[in-house]
């Protein structure tokens, strides 16, 4: 359940084009983690998240 909450929260953050670093800091605090590095573990190997992150990076670089 925690994994689903963390992943769905980050996907929502990306879809709303919010500041990811700030949002992950808040999510980390909310979930009771020592720091964001503990929270980022939840996002590894989630295909939808990886696609959103790639698209955002390409937009910022002017590729898309």
C-alpha atoms as a PDB file:
ATOM      1  CA  UNK A   1       0.000   0.000   0.000  1.00  0.00           C
ATOM      2  CA  UNK A   2       2.846   2.431   0.807  1.00  0.00           C
ATOM      3  CA  UNK A   3       4.489   1.620  -2.532  1.00  0.00           C
ATOM      4  CA  UNK A   4       1.266   2.344  -4.459  1.00  0.00           C
ATOM      5  CA  UNK A   5       0.749   5.593  -2.548  1.00  0.00           C
ATOM      6  CA  UNK A   6       4.308   6.788  -3.188  1.00  0.00           C
ATOM      7  CA  UNK A   7       4.293   5.854  -6.873  1.00  0.00           C
ATOM      8  CA  UNK A   8       0.825   7.292  -7.550  1.00  0.00           C
ATOM      9  CA  UNK A   9       1.783  10.497  -5.753  1.00  0.00           C
ATOM     10  CA  UNK A  10       4.895  10.958  -7.859  1.00  0.00           C
ATOM     11  CA  UNK A  11       3.065  10.164 -11.082  1.00  0.00           C
ATOM     12  CA  UNK A  12       0.511  12.830 -10.145  1.00  0.00           C
ATOM     13  CA  UNK A  13       3.325  15.299  -9.436  1.00  0.00           C
ATOM     14  CA  UNK A  14       4.805  14.709 -12.887  1.00  0.00           C
ATOM     15  CA  UNK A  15       1.443  14.907 -14.662  1.00  0.00           C
ATOM     16  CA  UNK A  16       0.726  18.254 -12.982  1.00  0.00           C
ATOM     17  CA  UNK A  17       4.220  19.442 -13.954  1.00  0.00           C
ATOM     18  CA  UNK A  18       5.033  20.399 -10.351  1.00  0.00           C
ATOM     19  CA  UNK A  19       8.477  20.850  -8.817  1.00  0.00           C
ATOM     20  CA  UNK A  20       9.574  17.246  -8.286  1.00  0.00           C
ATOM     21  CA  UNK A  21      12.326  17.930  -5.744  1.00  0.00           C
ATOM     22  CA  UNK A  22      10.051  19.963  -3.510  1.00  0.00           C
ATOM     23  CA  UNK A  23       7.209  17.470  -3.802  1.00  0.00           C
ATOM     24  CA  UNK A  24       9.450  14.489  -3.025  1.00  0.00           C
ATOM     25  CA  UNK A  25      10.789  16.305   0.056  1.00  0.00           C
ATOM     26  CA  UNK A  26       7.210  16.772   1.273  1.00  0.00           C
ATOM     27  CA  UNK A  27       6.263  13.191   0.377  1.00  0.00           C
ATOM     28  CA  UNK A  28       9.336  11.898   2.195  1.00  0.00           C
ATOM     29  CA  UNK A  29       8.389  13.828   5.328  1.00  0.00           C
ATOM     30  CA  UNK A  30       4.753  12.678   5.099  1.00  0.00           C
ATOM     31  CA  UNK A  31       5.806   9.034   4.785  1.00  0.00           C
ATOM     32  CA  UNK A  32       8.150   9.354   7.775  1.00  0.00           C
ATOM     33  CA  UNK A  33      11.354   8.735   5.848  1.00  0.00           C
ATOM     34  CA  UNK A  34      14.724  10.013   7.020  1.00  0.00           C
ATOM     35  CA  UNK A  35      15.177  11.793   3.684  1.00  0.00           C
ATOM     36  CA  UNK A  36      14.234  11.820   0.013  1.00  0.00           C
ATOM     37  CA  UNK A  37      16.729   9.080  -0.859  1.00  0.00           C
ATOM     38  CA  UNK A  38      14.549   6.646   1.101  1.00  0.00           C
ATOM     39  CA  UNK A  39      11.512   7.773  -0.872  1.00  0.00           C
ATOM     40  CA  UNK A  40      13.159   7.530  -4.300  1.00  0.00           C
ATOM     41  CA  UNK A  41      13.544   3.783  -3.770  1.00  0.00           C
ATOM     42  CA  UNK A  42       9.812   3.394  -4.414  1.00  0.00           C
ATOM     43  CA  UNK A  43      10.136   4.813  -7.906  1.00  0.00           C
ATOM     44  CA  UNK A  44      12.720   2.460  -9.352  1.00  0.00           C
ATOM     45  CA  UNK A  45      11.547   0.253 -12.195  1.00  0.00           C
ATOM     46  CA  UNK A  46       8.050   1.771 -12.526  1.00  0.00           C
ATOM     47  CA  UNK A  47       7.516   2.025 -16.301  1.00  0.00           C
ATOM     48  CA  UNK A  48       4.905   4.817 -16.202  1.00  0.00           C
ATOM     49  CA  UNK A  49       7.077   6.963 -13.951  1.00  0.00           C
ATOM     50  CA  UNK A  50      10.164   6.392 -16.072  1.00  0.00           C
ATOM     51  CA  UNK A  51       8.241   7.411 -19.211  1.00  0.00           C
ATOM     52  CA  UNK A  52       6.957  10.598 -17.543  1.00  0.00           C
ATOM     53  CA  UNK A  53      10.450  11.472 -16.331  1.00  0.00           C
ATOM     54  CA  UNK A  54      11.917  10.894 -19.806  1.00  0.00           C
ATOM     55  CA  UNK A  55       9.239  13.050 -21.441  1.00  0.00           C
ATOM     56  CA  UNK A  56       9.816  15.888 -18.960  1.00  0.00           C
ATOM     57  CA  UNK A  57      13.560  15.786 -19.521  1.00  0.00           C
ATOM     58  CA  UNK A  58      13.112  15.823 -23.300  1.00  0.00           C
ATOM     59  CA  UNK A  59      10.695  18.780 -23.077  1.00  0.00           C
ATOM     60  CA  UNK A  60      13.220  20.720 -21.017  1.00  0.00           C
ATOM     61  CA  UNK A  61      15.939  19.943 -23.533  1.00  0.00           C
ATOM     62  CA  UNK A  62      13.653  20.943 -26.425  1.00  0.00           C
ATOM     63  CA  UNK A  63      13.540  17.471 -27.974  1.00  0.00           C
ATOM     64  CA  UNK A  64       9.760  17.057 -27.808  1.00  0.00           C
END
